[in-house]
Each structure stands twice: as structure tokens, then as C-alpha cells.
């Protein structure tokens, strides 16, 4: 088998390099003042490389969380119970660009963007949980209300965990406590 040379950065490192570059720039000049071109220039990759990994600038912050939610949603759509599926979101998520943005929201000037993206993700998760509940026979209104509480608990746990990443435990522990509160 002949050796083929590949140019550019490996896929895994490019995503990480882009996220690191974006966070540096958000801290230095603010979120709104940072363009995708600024990020790619800092990361040393092409603009098209950026869009191979992220659909928008804000997705840089959410990619780790989105991957975890994707795994949880796959479990929700399968045979796992809701508690197991939601707990999976907290497994393996480490402090990343999102945690950095949450803890540096003022310095990055990202408050409104972060709030909007949080609401979008919370609603998507709520919709998936409600779908599972109705599939399992729960009445529609009850499914929506319970799903809303659980989805809110997931995002609240991420915020609480990010605020205390230096002193707190893993997200899985914070998430378990938040889900228990939403189930009361």
C-alpha cells in the first residue's frame, strides 16, 4: 500500500486548535469583534476548514456539549431509560470552550449569544425528552412539562459545574443532583 502524504492539520487537532484560537480571541477582543477569519488566521487553518468543523462561530463553544447531547439523544431514541440517557450527557464532558465562556462571559462579551444558544439547546433537548415520554405513553402536556424541567436541569447543571470547575467535582455529579431536583 503506497504512502499518501496529507497536508494540513489532522482533523482532531484542527478542531481543538480552532476552539483554542477562538477562546483566546474572544478574551482578547470580545466575541462580537472576533470574526471567523480572525479565528482561522490565529489557528493557521483555512476558512473552509473552520466550516468543516463548525456551522457558526458560536458552535465553537458548544461542540463538546453538543456531542454529549447527541449521545444522550441516541440513547433516548433507543431503549435506555430517560435517566440513563440524560446522565450520559454528563459523562466525559470536560472543561472546554463552553466552560471557559460561561466563566468569562463578561470578559468575552458573550452573554446574549450564550443565553440564546443555551435556550435553543434546551428546547431541542426538551423536544427529544418529550418525544420519548409520549412514545412511552405519557400524556402530551405532562410529557412537555416534565421534559422542560429535565432539559432545564441539564443546562443548569452545566452552568453550575462550569462556575466551579476549579473547585468542584465532575459534571456527572452536578447533573445527577440537578436531575434529582427536577424529578421532585
N, C-alpha and C. Protein backbone atom coordinates (compact mmCIF):
# COMPACT_ATOMS: atom_id res chain seq x y z
N UNK A 1 0.85 -1.18 0.00
CA UNK A 1 0.00 0.00 0.00
C UNK A 1 0.89 1.24 0.00
N UNK A 2 0.79 2.09 -0.99
CA UNK A 2 1.65 3.27 -1.06
C UNK A 2 1.29 4.29 0.01
N UNK A 3 2.28 4.99 0.46
CA UNK A 3 2.09 6.04 1.47
C UNK A 3 1.58 7.30 0.79
N UNK A 4 0.51 7.84 1.31
CA UNK A 4 -0.03 9.09 0.78
C UNK A 4 0.22 10.19 1.77
N UNK A 5 0.83 11.22 1.33
CA UNK A 5 1.08 12.37 2.19
C UNK A 5 -0.19 13.21 2.29
N UNK A 6 -0.47 13.66 3.49
CA UNK A 6 -1.64 14.54 3.70
C UNK A 6 -1.13 15.88 4.18
N UNK A 7 -1.64 16.91 3.58
CA UNK A 7 -1.23 18.24 4.03
C UNK A 7 -2.25 18.76 5.04
N UNK A 8 -1.86 19.76 5.77
CA UNK A 8 -2.76 20.36 6.75
C UNK A 8 -2.68 19.66 8.09
N UNK A 9 -3.47 20.15 9.00
CA UNK A 9 -3.50 19.59 10.36
C UNK A 9 -4.39 18.36 10.39
N UNK A 10 -4.09 17.41 11.30
CA UNK A 10 -5.01 16.29 11.47
C UNK A 10 -6.36 16.79 11.95
N UNK A 11 -7.44 16.08 11.61
CA UNK A 11 -8.80 16.53 11.93
C UNK A 11 -8.98 16.81 13.41
N UNK A 12 -8.53 15.93 14.28
CA UNK A 12 -8.76 16.12 15.71
C UNK A 12 -8.09 17.39 16.22
N UNK A 13 -6.85 17.60 15.84
CA UNK A 13 -6.15 18.77 16.37
C UNK A 13 -6.70 20.06 15.79
N UNK A 14 -7.21 20.05 14.57
CA UNK A 14 -7.74 21.27 13.98
C UNK A 14 -8.94 21.79 14.77
N UNK A 15 -9.83 20.91 15.17
CA UNK A 15 -10.99 21.31 15.97
C UNK A 15 -10.51 21.95 17.28
N UNK A 16 -9.58 21.28 17.93
CA UNK A 16 -9.07 21.79 19.20
C UNK A 16 -8.33 23.11 19.02
N UNK A 17 -7.54 23.19 17.97
CA UNK A 17 -6.78 24.41 17.70
C UNK A 17 -7.73 25.56 17.40
N UNK A 18 -8.77 25.31 16.64
CA UNK A 18 -9.77 26.34 16.33
C UNK A 18 -10.47 26.82 17.60
N UNK A 19 -10.86 25.89 18.47
CA UNK A 19 -11.53 26.26 19.71
C UNK A 19 -10.60 27.09 20.60
N UNK A 20 -9.36 26.68 20.68
CA UNK A 20 -8.39 27.43 21.50
C UNK A 20 -8.17 28.83 20.93
N UNK A 21 -8.02 28.92 19.63
CA UNK A 21 -7.82 30.22 18.99
C UNK A 21 -9.03 31.12 19.19
N UNK A 22 -10.21 30.56 19.03
CA UNK A 22 -11.44 31.34 19.21
C UNK A 22 -11.53 31.87 20.63
N UNK A 23 -11.29 31.03 21.61
CA UNK A 23 -11.40 31.47 23.00
C UNK A 23 -10.37 32.54 23.33
N UNK A 24 -9.16 32.39 22.82
CA UNK A 24 -8.14 33.43 23.03
C UNK A 24 -8.62 34.77 22.48
N UNK A 25 -9.14 34.72 21.26
CA UNK A 25 -9.60 35.96 20.62
C UNK A 25 -10.82 36.54 21.32
N UNK A 26 -11.75 35.69 21.75
CA UNK A 26 -12.93 36.18 22.47
C UNK A 26 -12.50 36.90 23.74
N UNK A 27 -11.49 36.36 24.41
CA UNK A 27 -11.00 37.01 25.64
C UNK A 27 -10.24 38.30 25.33
N UNK A 28 -9.48 38.31 24.25
CA UNK A 28 -8.67 39.47 23.90
C UNK A 28 -9.50 40.63 23.36
N UNK A 29 -10.42 40.33 22.44
CA UNK A 29 -11.11 41.42 21.75
C UNK A 29 -12.62 41.36 21.83
N UNK A 30 -13.15 40.33 22.49
CA UNK A 30 -14.60 40.20 22.62
C UNK A 30 -15.18 39.33 21.52
N UNK A 31 -16.31 38.75 21.83
CA UNK A 31 -16.97 37.83 20.90
C UNK A 31 -17.41 38.55 19.62
N UNK A 32 -18.11 39.66 19.75
CA UNK A 32 -18.65 40.35 18.58
C UNK A 32 -17.55 40.88 17.67
N UNK A 33 -16.42 41.27 18.23
CA UNK A 33 -15.33 41.83 17.43
C UNK A 33 -14.47 40.75 16.76
N UNK A 34 -14.72 39.50 17.07
CA UNK A 34 -13.94 38.40 16.50
C UNK A 34 -14.69 37.78 15.34
N UNK A 35 -14.03 37.70 14.21
CA UNK A 35 -14.64 37.08 13.03
C UNK A 35 -14.11 35.66 12.84
N UNK A 36 -14.79 34.91 12.01
CA UNK A 36 -14.32 33.58 11.66
C UNK A 36 -12.94 33.68 11.01
N UNK A 37 -12.73 34.69 10.19
CA UNK A 37 -11.42 34.89 9.57
C UNK A 37 -10.33 35.12 10.61
N UNK A 38 -10.66 35.88 11.66
CA UNK A 38 -9.69 36.09 12.74
C UNK A 38 -9.31 34.75 13.38
N UNK A 39 -10.31 33.93 13.61
CA UNK A 39 -10.09 32.64 14.26
C UNK A 39 -9.22 31.74 13.39
N UNK A 40 -9.54 31.66 12.11
CA UNK A 40 -8.77 30.78 11.22
C UNK A 40 -7.35 31.28 11.04
N UNK A 41 -7.19 32.58 10.99
CA UNK A 41 -5.85 33.16 10.88
C UNK A 41 -5.03 32.79 12.12
N UNK A 42 -5.62 32.95 13.30
CA UNK A 42 -4.93 32.63 14.54
C UNK A 42 -4.61 31.13 14.62
N UNK A 43 -5.53 30.30 14.15
CA UNK A 43 -5.35 28.85 14.22
C UNK A 43 -4.43 28.31 13.12
N UNK A 44 -4.23 29.12 12.08
CA UNK A 44 -3.39 28.68 10.98
C UNK A 44 -4.06 27.66 10.07
N UNK A 45 -5.38 27.79 9.93
CA UNK A 45 -6.12 26.90 9.04
C UNK A 45 -6.95 27.77 8.08
N UNK A 46 -7.47 27.14 7.05
CA UNK A 46 -8.27 27.89 6.08
C UNK A 46 -9.67 28.13 6.61
N UNK A 47 -10.32 29.10 6.04
CA UNK A 47 -11.71 29.39 6.39
C UNK A 47 -12.61 28.19 6.12
N UNK A 48 -12.37 27.49 5.03
CA UNK A 48 -13.18 26.31 4.72
C UNK A 48 -12.96 25.22 5.77
N UNK A 49 -11.76 25.13 6.33
CA UNK A 49 -11.51 24.16 7.41
C UNK A 49 -12.40 24.46 8.60
N UNK A 50 -12.58 25.73 8.90
CA UNK A 50 -13.43 26.11 10.02
C UNK A 50 -14.83 25.52 9.83
N UNK A 51 -15.36 25.68 8.63
CA UNK A 51 -16.72 25.23 8.36
C UNK A 51 -16.82 23.71 8.17
N UNK A 52 -15.69 23.02 8.10
CA UNK A 52 -15.71 21.56 8.16
C UNK A 52 -16.08 21.08 9.56
N UNK A 53 -15.78 21.91 10.55
CA UNK A 53 -16.00 21.54 11.95
C UNK A 53 -17.20 22.23 12.58
N UNK A 54 -17.45 23.46 12.20
CA UNK A 54 -18.46 24.27 12.87
C UNK A 54 -19.35 24.97 11.85
N UNK A 55 -20.64 25.04 12.15
CA UNK A 55 -21.58 25.73 11.25
C UNK A 55 -21.55 27.24 11.47
N UNK A 56 -21.18 27.66 12.68
CA UNK A 56 -21.17 29.08 13.01
C UNK A 56 -20.12 29.33 14.10
N UNK A 57 -19.81 30.57 14.29
CA UNK A 57 -18.82 30.96 15.29
C UNK A 57 -19.19 30.46 16.68
N UNK A 58 -20.44 30.57 17.04
CA UNK A 58 -20.85 30.14 18.39
C UNK A 58 -20.74 28.64 18.59
N UNK A 59 -20.79 27.86 17.52
CA UNK A 59 -20.68 26.40 17.64
C UNK A 59 -19.33 25.96 18.18
N UNK A 60 -18.32 26.82 18.06
CA UNK A 60 -17.00 26.52 18.63
C UNK A 60 -17.16 26.26 20.13
N UNK A 61 -17.99 27.04 20.77
CA UNK A 61 -18.17 26.92 22.21
C UNK A 61 -18.97 25.69 22.59
N UNK A 62 -19.87 25.27 21.75
CA UNK A 62 -20.84 24.24 22.09
C UNK A 62 -20.51 22.85 21.57
N UNK A 63 -19.43 22.67 20.84
CA UNK A 63 -19.21 21.39 20.16
C UNK A 63 -19.09 20.21 21.12
N UNK A 64 -18.39 20.36 22.22
CA UNK A 64 -18.27 19.27 23.19
C UNK A 64 -19.61 18.91 23.81
N UNK A 65 -20.35 19.92 24.21
CA UNK A 65 -21.67 19.70 24.80
C UNK A 65 -22.61 19.08 23.77
N UNK A 66 -22.59 19.60 22.55
CA UNK A 66 -23.47 19.06 21.51
C UNK A 66 -23.18 17.58 21.24
N UNK A 67 -21.92 17.20 21.28
CA UNK A 67 -21.56 15.79 21.07
C UNK A 67 -22.13 14.93 22.20
N UNK A 68 -22.04 15.42 23.43
CA UNK A 68 -22.58 14.67 24.57
C UNK A 68 -24.11 14.57 24.49
N UNK A 69 -24.75 15.66 24.11
CA UNK A 69 -26.21 15.63 23.96
C UNK A 69 -26.59 14.67 22.83
N UNK A 70 -25.83 14.67 21.76
CA UNK A 70 -26.09 13.73 20.66
C UNK A 70 -26.07 12.29 21.14
N UNK A 71 -25.11 11.96 21.99
CA UNK A 71 -25.03 10.60 22.54
C UNK A 71 -26.24 10.33 23.43
N UNK A 72 -26.62 11.31 24.25
CA UNK A 72 -27.79 11.15 25.11
C UNK A 72 -29.07 10.99 24.31
N UNK A 73 -29.21 11.76 23.25
CA UNK A 73 -30.41 11.67 22.40
C UNK A 73 -30.47 10.31 21.72
N UNK A 74 -29.34 9.80 21.28
CA UNK A 74 -29.33 8.46 20.67
C UNK A 74 -29.84 7.43 21.67
N UNK A 75 -29.46 7.57 22.93
CA UNK A 75 -29.96 6.66 23.96
C UNK A 75 -31.46 6.85 24.18
N UNK A 76 -31.91 8.12 24.18
CA UNK A 76 -33.35 8.40 24.33
C UNK A 76 -34.17 7.76 23.22
N UNK A 77 -33.64 7.80 22.03
CA UNK A 77 -34.35 7.24 20.88
C UNK A 77 -34.30 5.71 20.88
N UNK A 78 -33.38 5.17 21.65
CA UNK A 78 -33.25 3.72 21.75
C UNK A 78 -34.05 3.17 22.91
N UNK A 79 -33.48 2.23 23.61
CA UNK A 79 -34.18 1.54 24.68
C UNK A 79 -33.79 1.99 26.08
N UNK A 80 -32.77 2.84 26.20
CA UNK A 80 -32.33 3.29 27.53
C UNK A 80 -33.42 4.13 28.19
N UNK A 81 -33.50 4.06 29.50
CA UNK A 81 -34.48 4.90 30.19
C UNK A 81 -33.99 6.36 30.17
N UNK A 82 -34.91 7.27 30.44
CA UNK A 82 -34.63 8.70 30.33
C UNK A 82 -33.50 9.12 31.28
N UNK A 83 -33.53 8.62 32.51
CA UNK A 83 -32.50 8.99 33.48
C UNK A 83 -31.11 8.58 33.00
N UNK A 84 -31.00 7.39 32.45
CA UNK A 84 -29.71 6.91 31.94
C UNK A 84 -29.25 7.76 30.76
N UNK A 85 -30.17 8.07 29.86
CA UNK A 85 -29.82 8.86 28.68
C UNK A 85 -29.34 10.26 29.07
N UNK A 86 -30.04 10.89 30.01
CA UNK A 86 -29.64 12.24 30.43
C UNK A 86 -28.35 12.22 31.24
N UNK A 87 -28.16 11.20 32.04
CA UNK A 87 -26.92 11.07 32.80
C UNK A 87 -25.71 10.93 31.88
N UNK A 88 -25.91 10.29 30.73
CA UNK A 88 -24.83 10.10 29.77
C UNK A 88 -24.28 11.43 29.27
N UNK A 89 -25.09 12.46 29.28
CA UNK A 89 -24.63 13.77 28.83
C UNK A 89 -23.49 14.27 29.72
N UNK A 90 -23.56 13.95 31.00
CA UNK A 90 -22.54 14.40 31.94
C UNK A 90 -21.29 13.54 31.98
N UNK A 91 -21.32 12.41 31.30
CA UNK A 91 -20.18 11.51 31.30
C UNK A 91 -19.21 11.91 30.20
N UNK A 92 -18.03 12.25 30.57
CA UNK A 92 -17.00 12.53 29.59
C UNK A 92 -16.89 13.98 29.16
N UNK A 93 -17.80 14.84 29.56
CA UNK A 93 -17.66 16.25 29.21
C UNK A 93 -16.66 16.88 30.17
N UNK A 94 -15.61 17.41 29.61
CA UNK A 94 -14.56 18.03 30.43
C UNK A 94 -14.61 19.53 30.25
N UNK A 95 -14.00 20.28 31.15
CA UNK A 95 -13.97 21.73 30.96
C UNK A 95 -13.38 22.05 29.59
N UNK A 96 -14.14 22.81 28.81
CA UNK A 96 -13.74 23.11 27.45
C UNK A 96 -14.09 24.56 27.14
N UNK A 97 -14.27 24.85 25.86
CA UNK A 97 -14.56 26.22 25.44
C UNK A 97 -15.86 26.73 26.06
N UNK A 98 -16.86 25.87 26.20
CA UNK A 98 -18.13 26.30 26.79
C UNK A 98 -17.93 26.70 28.25
N UNK A 99 -17.24 25.87 29.01
CA UNK A 99 -16.98 26.20 30.41
C UNK A 99 -16.19 27.49 30.53
N UNK A 100 -15.23 27.68 29.64
CA UNK A 100 -14.45 28.92 29.64
C UNK A 100 -15.34 30.11 29.34
N UNK A 101 -16.24 29.97 28.39
CA UNK A 101 -17.16 31.06 28.04
C UNK A 101 -18.10 31.37 29.20
N UNK A 102 -18.60 30.35 29.85
CA UNK A 102 -19.51 30.56 30.98
C UNK A 102 -18.82 31.31 32.10
N UNK A 103 -17.59 30.94 32.39
CA UNK A 103 -16.87 31.59 33.49
C UNK A 103 -16.29 32.94 33.11
N UNK A 104 -16.22 33.23 31.83
CA UNK A 104 -15.66 34.51 31.36
C UNK A 104 -16.65 35.27 30.50
N UNK A 105 -17.93 35.10 30.79
CA UNK A 105 -18.98 35.68 29.96
C UNK A 105 -18.81 37.19 29.80
N UNK A 106 -18.47 37.89 30.85
CA UNK A 106 -18.32 39.35 30.78
C UNK A 106 -17.09 39.74 29.97
N UNK A 107 -15.97 39.08 30.23
CA UNK A 107 -14.73 39.41 29.53
C UNK A 107 -14.85 39.15 28.03
N UNK A 108 -15.59 38.12 27.67
CA UNK A 108 -15.77 37.78 26.26
C UNK A 108 -16.89 38.58 25.61
N UNK A 109 -17.72 39.21 26.43
CA UNK A 109 -18.86 39.95 25.88
C UNK A 109 -19.82 39.04 25.15
N UNK A 110 -20.07 37.88 25.72
CA UNK A 110 -20.82 36.85 25.01
C UNK A 110 -22.16 36.53 25.66
N UNK A 111 -22.57 37.29 26.64
CA UNK A 111 -23.79 37.00 27.39
C UNK A 111 -25.02 36.74 26.54
N UNK A 112 -25.43 37.68 25.70
CA UNK A 112 -26.65 37.45 24.90
C UNK A 112 -26.55 36.24 23.97
N UNK A 113 -25.41 36.06 23.35
CA UNK A 113 -25.21 34.92 22.44
C UNK A 113 -25.29 33.61 23.21
N UNK A 114 -24.65 33.57 24.36
CA UNK A 114 -24.64 32.36 25.18
C UNK A 114 -26.05 32.03 25.67
N UNK A 115 -26.79 33.06 26.08
CA UNK A 115 -28.17 32.85 26.53
C UNK A 115 -29.05 32.31 25.41
N UNK A 116 -28.90 32.89 24.21
CA UNK A 116 -29.70 32.45 23.07
C UNK A 116 -29.38 31.01 22.71
N UNK A 117 -28.11 30.68 22.64
CA UNK A 117 -27.71 29.32 22.27
C UNK A 117 -28.11 28.31 23.35
N UNK A 118 -28.05 28.74 24.60
CA UNK A 118 -28.49 27.87 25.69
C UNK A 118 -29.98 27.54 25.53
N UNK A 119 -30.78 28.56 25.24
CA UNK A 119 -32.22 28.35 25.08
C UNK A 119 -32.53 27.42 23.91
N UNK A 120 -31.81 27.58 22.82
CA UNK A 120 -32.02 26.73 21.64
C UNK A 120 -31.71 25.28 21.99
N UNK A 121 -30.59 25.06 22.66
CA UNK A 121 -30.21 23.69 23.00
C UNK A 121 -31.15 23.10 24.05
N UNK A 122 -31.57 23.91 24.98
CA UNK A 122 -32.50 23.43 25.99
C UNK A 122 -33.82 22.99 25.34
N UNK A 123 -34.31 23.79 24.40
CA UNK A 123 -35.55 23.44 23.72
C UNK A 123 -35.40 22.16 22.90
N UNK A 124 -34.27 22.02 22.19
CA UNK A 124 -34.06 20.80 21.40
C UNK A 124 -34.05 19.57 22.30
N UNK A 125 -33.38 19.68 23.43
CA UNK A 125 -33.33 18.56 24.36
C UNK A 125 -34.72 18.29 24.94
N UNK A 126 -35.45 19.34 25.27
CA UNK A 126 -36.81 19.18 25.79
C UNK A 126 -37.68 18.43 24.77
N UNK A 127 -37.56 18.81 23.51
CA UNK A 127 -38.36 18.17 22.46
C UNK A 127 -38.05 16.67 22.37
N UNK A 128 -36.77 16.31 22.48
CA UNK A 128 -36.39 14.90 22.42
C UNK A 128 -36.90 14.13 23.63
N UNK A 129 -36.79 14.73 24.81
CA UNK A 129 -37.26 14.06 26.03
C UNK A 129 -38.78 13.90 25.97
N UNK A 130 -39.49 14.95 25.58
CA UNK A 130 -40.96 14.88 25.49
C UNK A 130 -41.38 13.81 24.49
N UNK A 131 -40.68 13.71 23.38
CA UNK A 131 -40.99 12.69 22.39
C UNK A 131 -40.86 11.30 22.99
N UNK A 132 -39.81 11.12 23.77
CA UNK A 132 -39.62 9.82 24.43
C UNK A 132 -40.75 9.53 25.41
N UNK A 133 -41.10 10.55 26.22
CA UNK A 133 -42.18 10.36 27.19
C UNK A 133 -43.50 10.02 26.50
N UNK A 134 -43.82 10.70 25.43
CA UNK A 134 -45.09 10.41 24.73
C UNK A 134 -45.03 9.03 24.08
N UNK A 135 -43.87 8.67 23.56
CA UNK A 135 -43.70 7.32 23.00
C UNK A 135 -43.96 6.25 24.06
N UNK A 136 -43.57 6.58 25.30
CA UNK A 136 -43.77 5.65 26.42
C UNK A 136 -45.17 5.72 27.01
N UNK A 137 -46.05 6.57 26.42
CA UNK A 137 -47.45 6.61 26.85
C UNK A 137 -47.84 7.75 27.77
N UNK A 138 -46.95 8.66 28.05
CA UNK A 138 -47.28 9.79 28.92
C UNK A 138 -48.14 10.78 28.14
N UNK A 139 -49.16 11.36 28.77
CA UNK A 139 -49.97 12.38 28.07
C UNK A 139 -49.08 13.55 27.62
N UNK A 140 -49.47 14.16 26.52
CA UNK A 140 -48.66 15.19 25.87
C UNK A 140 -48.28 16.36 26.79
N UNK A 141 -49.25 16.93 27.50
CA UNK A 141 -48.95 18.06 28.38
C UNK A 141 -47.98 17.67 29.48
N UNK A 142 -48.23 16.55 30.11
CA UNK A 142 -47.33 16.07 31.16
C UNK A 142 -45.93 15.82 30.61
N UNK A 143 -45.86 15.26 29.40
CA UNK A 143 -44.56 15.00 28.77
C UNK A 143 -43.79 16.29 28.53
N UNK A 144 -44.48 17.31 28.01
CA UNK A 144 -43.82 18.60 27.75
C UNK A 144 -43.33 19.26 29.03
N UNK A 145 -44.16 19.25 30.06
CA UNK A 145 -43.79 19.90 31.32
C UNK A 145 -42.61 19.18 31.98
N UNK A 146 -42.71 17.87 32.07
CA UNK A 146 -41.63 17.11 32.71
C UNK A 146 -40.35 17.22 31.89
N UNK A 147 -40.46 17.15 30.58
CA UNK A 147 -39.29 17.27 29.71
C UNK A 147 -38.65 18.65 29.85
N UNK A 148 -39.48 19.69 29.97
CA UNK A 148 -38.94 21.04 30.16
C UNK A 148 -38.13 21.16 31.44
N UNK A 149 -38.64 20.56 32.50
CA UNK A 149 -37.92 20.60 33.78
C UNK A 149 -36.59 19.85 33.68
N UNK A 150 -36.60 18.70 33.03
CA UNK A 150 -35.36 17.91 32.92
C UNK A 150 -34.34 18.57 32.00
N UNK A 151 -34.79 19.13 30.89
CA UNK A 151 -33.87 19.82 29.99
C UNK A 151 -33.26 21.03 30.68
N UNK A 152 -34.08 21.78 31.42
CA UNK A 152 -33.56 22.92 32.17
C UNK A 152 -32.54 22.47 33.21
N UNK A 153 -32.78 21.33 33.83
CA UNK A 153 -31.85 20.80 34.83
C UNK A 153 -30.50 20.48 34.20
N UNK A 154 -30.51 19.93 33.00
CA UNK A 154 -29.26 19.61 32.32
C UNK A 154 -28.44 20.87 32.08
N UNK A 155 -29.07 21.91 31.54
CA UNK A 155 -28.33 23.14 31.26
C UNK A 155 -27.92 23.85 32.55
N UNK A 156 -28.77 23.84 33.55
CA UNK A 156 -28.42 24.46 34.84
C UNK A 156 -27.22 23.74 35.46
N UNK A 157 -27.17 22.43 35.31
CA UNK A 157 -26.04 21.67 35.84
C UNK A 157 -24.75 22.05 35.13
N UNK A 158 -24.80 22.22 33.83
CA UNK A 158 -23.60 22.62 33.08
C UNK A 158 -23.11 23.98 33.57
N UNK A 159 -24.04 24.92 33.78
CA UNK A 159 -23.66 26.26 34.25
C UNK A 159 -23.07 26.18 35.66
N UNK A 160 -23.70 25.44 36.54
CA UNK A 160 -23.20 25.32 37.92
C UNK A 160 -21.83 24.64 37.94
N UNK A 161 -21.68 23.62 37.13
CA UNK A 161 -20.40 22.89 37.04
C UNK A 161 -19.30 23.80 36.49
N UNK A 162 -19.60 24.55 35.45
CA UNK A 162 -18.59 25.44 34.86
C UNK A 162 -18.16 26.51 35.85
N UNK A 163 -19.10 27.01 36.63
CA UNK A 163 -18.77 28.04 37.61
C UNK A 163 -17.85 27.54 38.70
N UNK A 164 -17.81 26.24 38.91
CA UNK A 164 -16.97 25.71 39.97
C UNK A 164 -16.00 24.64 39.49
N UNK A 165 -15.60 24.68 38.23
CA UNK A 165 -14.71 23.66 37.69
C UNK A 165 -13.39 23.59 38.44
N UNK A 166 -12.91 24.70 38.94
CA UNK A 166 -11.63 24.68 39.65
C UNK A 166 -11.75 24.01 41.02
N UNK A 167 -12.92 24.07 41.63
CA UNK A 167 -13.07 23.53 42.97
C UNK A 167 -14.06 22.39 43.07
N UNK A 168 -14.86 22.19 42.06
CA UNK A 168 -15.94 21.20 42.14
C UNK A 168 -15.57 19.87 41.54
N UNK A 169 -16.55 18.98 41.57
CA UNK A 169 -16.37 17.65 41.03
C UNK A 169 -16.76 17.57 39.58
N UNK A 170 -16.88 16.35 39.09
CA UNK A 170 -17.23 16.15 37.68
C UNK A 170 -18.68 16.56 37.39
N UNK A 171 -18.92 16.87 36.13
CA UNK A 171 -20.26 17.25 35.69
C UNK A 171 -21.28 16.17 36.02
N UNK A 172 -20.89 14.92 35.93
CA UNK A 172 -21.83 13.82 36.20
C UNK A 172 -22.46 13.96 37.59
N UNK A 173 -21.68 14.39 38.57
CA UNK A 173 -22.21 14.54 39.93
C UNK A 173 -23.19 15.71 40.03
N UNK A 174 -22.85 16.84 39.43
CA UNK A 174 -23.71 18.01 39.44
C UNK A 174 -25.00 17.71 38.67
N UNK A 175 -24.85 17.02 37.53
CA UNK A 175 -26.02 16.67 36.73
C UNK A 175 -26.96 15.74 37.49
N UNK A 176 -26.41 14.76 38.19
CA UNK A 176 -27.25 13.85 38.96
C UNK A 176 -28.07 14.61 40.00
N UNK A 177 -27.44 15.58 40.66
CA UNK A 177 -28.15 16.38 41.67
C UNK A 177 -29.23 17.23 41.02
N UNK A 178 -28.94 17.84 39.87
CA UNK A 178 -29.90 18.68 39.18
C UNK A 178 -31.09 17.86 38.66
N UNK A 179 -30.82 16.69 38.12
CA UNK A 179 -31.91 15.84 37.63
C UNK A 179 -32.79 15.36 38.78
N UNK A 180 -32.19 15.09 39.92
CA UNK A 180 -32.98 14.70 41.09
C UNK A 180 -33.90 15.83 41.52
N UNK A 181 -33.41 17.06 41.47
CA UNK A 181 -34.25 18.22 41.82
C UNK A 181 -35.41 18.38 40.84
N UNK A 182 -35.16 18.14 39.56
CA UNK A 182 -36.20 18.29 38.55
C UNK A 182 -37.24 17.18 38.66
N UNK A 183 -36.87 16.06 39.21
CA UNK A 183 -37.80 14.94 39.36
C UNK A 183 -38.67 15.05 40.60
N UNK A 184 -38.33 15.97 41.51
CA UNK A 184 -39.15 16.13 42.74
C UNK A 184 -40.53 16.65 42.46
